[in-house]
């Protein structure tokens, strides 16, 4: 009698969700298991709905993620080398320490995304929108950011050597201590930008709007130091 009551009690608790729970299997999309440390090299995830997915340290090298919804997803330290993220929604995504070398992020949405310490050398961000994104300590050497909207983005201590920011909207950015040597800022909007103690030797600023911009302690294109 006592055993029956105990069994009944455990069953009742399970029904109420108060007892032991059964683990829910990870979601699988296009043959790729959506979980941390997943191995999905060259996976086809075009248009996938992956909002708030956990993909920490995932291997997504050369994966196809065109127009995928990754809003709020955790891609910290994920390997996205050579991945195609054209038109992807990465709003609020965590890309801290992610590998984005040679990745394609044309027209992607990166508003409020965290790319702190990411490696994005030679990545293509043409026409991307990264309003209020955190790009501190990012490596954007040779990256293409033509017509990218980085309004109010953080680029503190970022590495932008020879990056192409032609026509980019950099209004109200913070880029203190950044290396912008030989960066192309042709026709860029630097209104109210703060670029203190940065290196801009050899930078191209033809046609750039610099109204209200602050360059205290910055090495300017002609080699002088802004007082």
Protein backbone atom coordinates (compact mmCIF):
# COMPACT_ATOMS: atom_id res chain seq x y z
CA UNK A 1 0.00 0.00 0.00
CA UNK A 2 2.78 2.38 0.94
CA UNK A 3 4.67 1.56 -2.30
CA UNK A 4 1.58 2.29 -4.39
CA UNK A 5 1.08 5.66 -2.69
CA UNK A 6 4.76 6.56 -3.22
CA UNK A 7 4.57 5.58 -6.87
CA UNK A 8 1.38 7.60 -7.27
CA UNK A 9 3.02 10.60 -5.60
CA UNK A 10 6.03 10.48 -7.92
CA UNK A 11 3.74 10.16 -10.93
CA UNK A 12 1.69 13.11 -9.75
CA UNK A 13 4.83 15.22 -9.29
CA UNK A 14 6.00 14.32 -12.77
CA UNK A 15 2.70 15.38 -14.25
CA UNK A 16 2.96 18.67 -12.41
CA UNK A 17 6.51 19.13 -13.66
CA UNK A 18 7.91 18.92 -10.15
CA UNK A 19 9.68 15.60 -10.39
CA UNK A 20 12.37 14.19 -12.64
CA UNK A 21 12.33 15.73 -16.11
CA UNK A 22 13.18 14.22 -19.44
CA UNK A 23 15.88 16.08 -21.36
CA UNK A 24 14.66 17.69 -24.57
CA UNK A 25 16.73 16.65 -27.61
CA UNK A 26 18.63 19.44 -29.36
CA UNK A 27 16.95 20.93 -32.41
CA UNK A 28 18.29 19.70 -35.74
CA UNK A 29 18.20 21.98 -38.79
CA UNK A 30 19.52 20.96 -42.18
CA UNK A 31 21.32 18.04 -40.59
CA UNK A 32 23.02 20.35 -38.08
CA UNK A 33 22.41 19.77 -34.38
CA UNK A 34 21.84 23.20 -32.82
CA UNK A 35 23.87 23.10 -29.62
CA UNK A 36 27.17 24.26 -28.14
CA UNK A 37 30.31 22.75 -29.70
CA UNK A 38 28.33 21.37 -32.64
CA UNK A 39 30.25 20.33 -35.75
CA UNK A 40 28.42 21.82 -38.74
CA UNK A 41 31.16 22.76 -41.17
CA UNK A 42 29.69 23.76 -44.56
CA UNK A 43 26.15 23.19 -43.28
CA UNK A 44 23.25 24.67 -45.26
CA UNK A 45 21.32 26.80 -42.79
CA UNK A 46 20.03 29.41 -45.22
CA UNK A 47 16.87 31.05 -43.84
CA UNK A 48 17.02 28.98 -40.64
CA UNK A 49 15.14 30.19 -37.57
CA UNK A 50 17.81 30.13 -34.86
CA UNK A 51 16.83 33.04 -32.63
CA UNK A 52 18.37 32.72 -29.15
CA UNK A 53 20.08 29.45 -30.13
CA UNK A 54 23.09 28.30 -28.13
CA UNK A 55 25.98 27.75 -30.53
CA UNK A 56 28.93 28.50 -28.28
CA UNK A 57 32.20 27.23 -29.83
CA UNK A 58 30.24 25.79 -32.76
CA UNK A 59 32.18 24.82 -35.89
CA UNK A 60 30.33 26.66 -38.67
CA UNK A 61 33.24 27.15 -41.02
CA UNK A 62 32.03 27.94 -44.56
CA UNK A 63 28.42 27.38 -43.44
CA UNK A 64 25.56 28.90 -45.42
CA UNK A 65 23.51 31.18 -43.17
CA UNK A 66 22.02 33.60 -45.69
CA UNK A 67 18.98 35.40 -44.24
CA UNK A 68 19.11 33.19 -41.13
CA UNK A 69 17.48 34.53 -37.97
CA UNK A 70 20.16 34.49 -35.26
CA UNK A 71 18.77 37.33 -33.16
CA UNK A 72 19.93 36.95 -29.58
CA UNK A 73 21.86 33.77 -30.40
CA UNK A 74 24.99 32.82 -28.45
CA UNK A 75 27.79 32.39 -30.99
CA UNK A 76 30.60 33.27 -28.60
CA UNK A 77 33.90 31.73 -29.74
CA UNK A 78 32.12 30.07 -32.66
CA UNK A 79 34.15 29.40 -35.80
CA UNK A 80 32.39 31.18 -38.68
CA UNK A 81 35.46 31.46 -40.88
CA UNK A 82 34.34 31.90 -44.48
CA UNK A 83 30.66 31.56 -43.54
CA UNK A 84 28.01 33.32 -45.67
CA UNK A 85 25.80 35.41 -43.38
CA UNK A 86 24.42 37.70 -46.08
CA UNK A 87 21.22 39.31 -44.83
CA UNK A 88 21.35 37.40 -41.53
CA UNK A 89 19.64 38.85 -38.47
CA UNK A 90 22.24 38.97 -35.69
CA UNK A 91 20.53 41.65 -33.64
CA UNK A 92 21.67 41.37 -30.03
CA UNK A 93 23.69 38.23 -30.80
CA UNK A 94 26.74 37.29 -28.73
CA UNK A 95 29.71 36.93 -31.08
CA UNK A 96 32.34 37.59 -28.44
CA UNK A 97 35.63 36.03 -29.54
CA UNK A 98 34.06 34.54 -32.66
CA UNK A 99 36.12 33.76 -35.77
CA UNK A 100 34.73 35.66 -38.77
CA UNK A 101 37.79 35.79 -40.99
CA UNK A 102 36.72 36.03 -44.65
CA UNK A 103 33.06 35.76 -43.61
CA UNK A 104 30.38 37.47 -45.70
CA UNK A 105 28.00 39.65 -43.69
CA UNK A 106 26.61 41.87 -46.45
CA UNK A 107 23.36 43.62 -45.44
CA UNK A 108 23.37 41.75 -42.12
CA UNK A 109 21.70 43.18 -39.01
CA UNK A 110 24.14 43.55 -36.12
CA UNK A 111 22.39 46.13 -33.96
CA UNK A 112 23.50 45.83 -30.32
CA UNK A 113 25.46 42.67 -31.15
CA UNK A 114 28.56 41.91 -29.07
CA UNK A 115 31.62 41.26 -31.24
CA UNK A 116 34.20 42.04 -28.56
CA UNK A 117 37.50 40.39 -29.41
CA UNK A 118 36.17 38.79 -32.59
CA UNK A 119 38.54 38.09 -35.46
CA UNK A 120 37.01 39.45 -38.68
CA UNK A 121 40.02 40.12 -40.91
CA UNK A 122 38.99 40.51 -44.56
CA UNK A 123 35.32 39.98 -43.68
CA UNK A 124 32.74 41.74 -45.84
CA UNK A 125 30.22 43.91 -43.95
CA UNK A 126 29.04 45.94 -46.96
CA UNK A 127 25.69 47.66 -46.22
CA UNK A 128 25.46 45.96 -42.82
CA UNK A 129 23.72 47.71 -39.92
CA UNK A 130 25.52 47.61 -36.58
CA UNK A 131 23.91 50.44 -34.63
CA UNK A 132 25.14 50.40 -31.02
CA UNK A 133 27.13 47.20 -31.66
CA UNK A 134 30.14 46.45 -29.44
CA UNK A 135 33.19 46.03 -31.68
CA UNK A 136 35.81 46.62 -29.00
CA UNK A 137 39.11 44.76 -29.47
CA UNK A 138 37.87 43.34 -32.79
CA UNK A 139 40.33 42.59 -35.59
CA UNK A 140 39.00 44.11 -38.83
CA UNK A 141 42.28 44.17 -40.74
CA UNK A 142 41.51 44.53 -44.43
CA UNK A 143 37.78 44.16 -43.81
CA UNK A 144 35.20 45.77 -46.09
CA UNK A 145 32.67 47.98 -44.31
CA UNK A 146 31.49 50.06 -47.28
CA UNK A 147 28.26 51.95 -46.47
CA UNK A 148 28.00 50.16 -43.12
CA UNK A 149 25.89 51.86 -40.45
CA UNK A 150 27.82 51.81 -37.17
CA UNK A 151 26.07 54.71 -35.47
CA UNK A 152 26.97 54.83 -31.75
CA UNK A 153 29.01 51.62 -32.02
CA UNK A 154 31.94 50.92 -29.67
CA UNK A 155 35.27 50.42 -31.43
CA UNK A 156 37.56 50.92 -28.45
CA UNK A 157 41.00 49.36 -28.99
CA UNK A 158 39.80 47.86 -32.27
CA UNK A 159 42.18 47.00 -35.11
CA UNK A 160 41.15 48.55 -38.44
CA UNK A 161 44.40 48.45 -40.37
CA UNK A 162 43.64 49.02 -44.09
CA UNK A 163 39.92 48.47 -43.55
CA UNK A 164 37.59 50.01 -46.14
CA UNK A 165 34.93 52.20 -44.51
CA UNK A 166 34.02 54.24 -47.59
CA UNK A 167 30.65 55.90 -47.07
CA UNK A 168 30.22 54.32 -43.64
CA UNK A 169 28.07 56.01 -40.99
CA UNK A 170 30.35 56.31 -37.97
CA UNK A 171 28.46 59.09 -36.24
CA UNK A 172 28.80 59.10 -32.45
CA UNK A 173 31.13 56.08 -32.41
CA UNK A 174 33.69 55.61 -29.65
CA UNK A 175 37.04 54.46 -31.05
CA UNK A 176 39.57 55.35 -28.36
CA UNK A 177 43.01 53.70 -28.65
CA UNK A 178 42.07 52.10 -31.97
CA UNK A 179 44.56 51.33 -34.72
CA UNK A 180 43.15 52.92 -37.88
CA UNK A 181 46.40 53.02 -39.83
CA UNK A 182 45.76 53.36 -43.58
CA UNK A 183 42.02 52.98 -43.07
CA UNK A 184 39.83 54.25 -45.94
CA UNK A 185 37.29 56.74 -44.59
CA UNK A 186 36.38 58.34 -47.92
CA UNK A 187 33.01 60.11 -47.57
CA UNK A 188 32.45 58.53 -44.16
CA UNK A 189 30.24 60.27 -41.59
CA UNK A 190 32.26 60.92 -38.41
CA UNK A 191 29.86 63.44 -36.89
CA UNK A 192 30.33 63.61 -33.10
CA UNK A 193 32.69 60.62 -33.16
CA UNK A 194 35.20 60.17 -30.33
CA UNK A 195 38.52 58.86 -31.69
CA UNK A 196 40.92 59.77 -28.89
CA UNK A 197 44.50 58.44 -28.73
CA UNK A 198 44.08 56.45 -31.93
CA UNK A 199 46.53 55.81 -34.76
CA UNK A 200 45.30 57.20 -38.08
CA UNK A 201 48.61 57.56 -39.92
CA UNK A 202 48.04 57.18 -43.65
CA UNK A 203 44.25 57.16 -43.27
CA UNK A 204 42.21 58.43 -46.24
CA UNK A 205 39.62 60.97 -45.11
CA UNK A 206 38.66 62.59 -48.42
CA UNK A 207 35.14 63.93 -48.21
CA UNK A 208 34.61 62.64 -44.66
CA UNK A 209 32.23 64.66 -42.46
CA UNK A 210 33.96 65.42 -39.16
CA UNK A 211 31.60 67.91 -37.54
CA UNK A 212 31.89 67.68 -33.76
CA UNK A 213 34.39 64.82 -33.93
CA UNK A 214 37.02 64.57 -31.18
CA UNK A 215 40.56 63.40 -31.99
CA UNK A 216 42.48 64.27 -28.82
CA UNK A 217 45.91 62.63 -28.78
CA UNK A 218 45.27 60.94 -32.13
CA UNK A 219 47.98 60.57 -34.74
CA UNK A 220 46.43 62.17 -37.82
CA UNK A 221 46.79 61.12 -41.50
CA UNK A 222 49.67 63.56 -42.05
CA UNK A 223 51.58 62.16 -39.08
CA UNK A 224 50.83 65.01 -36.65
CA UNK A 225 49.38 64.44 -33.20
CA UNK A 226 46.06 66.16 -32.54
CA UNK A 227 46.42 68.32 -29.43
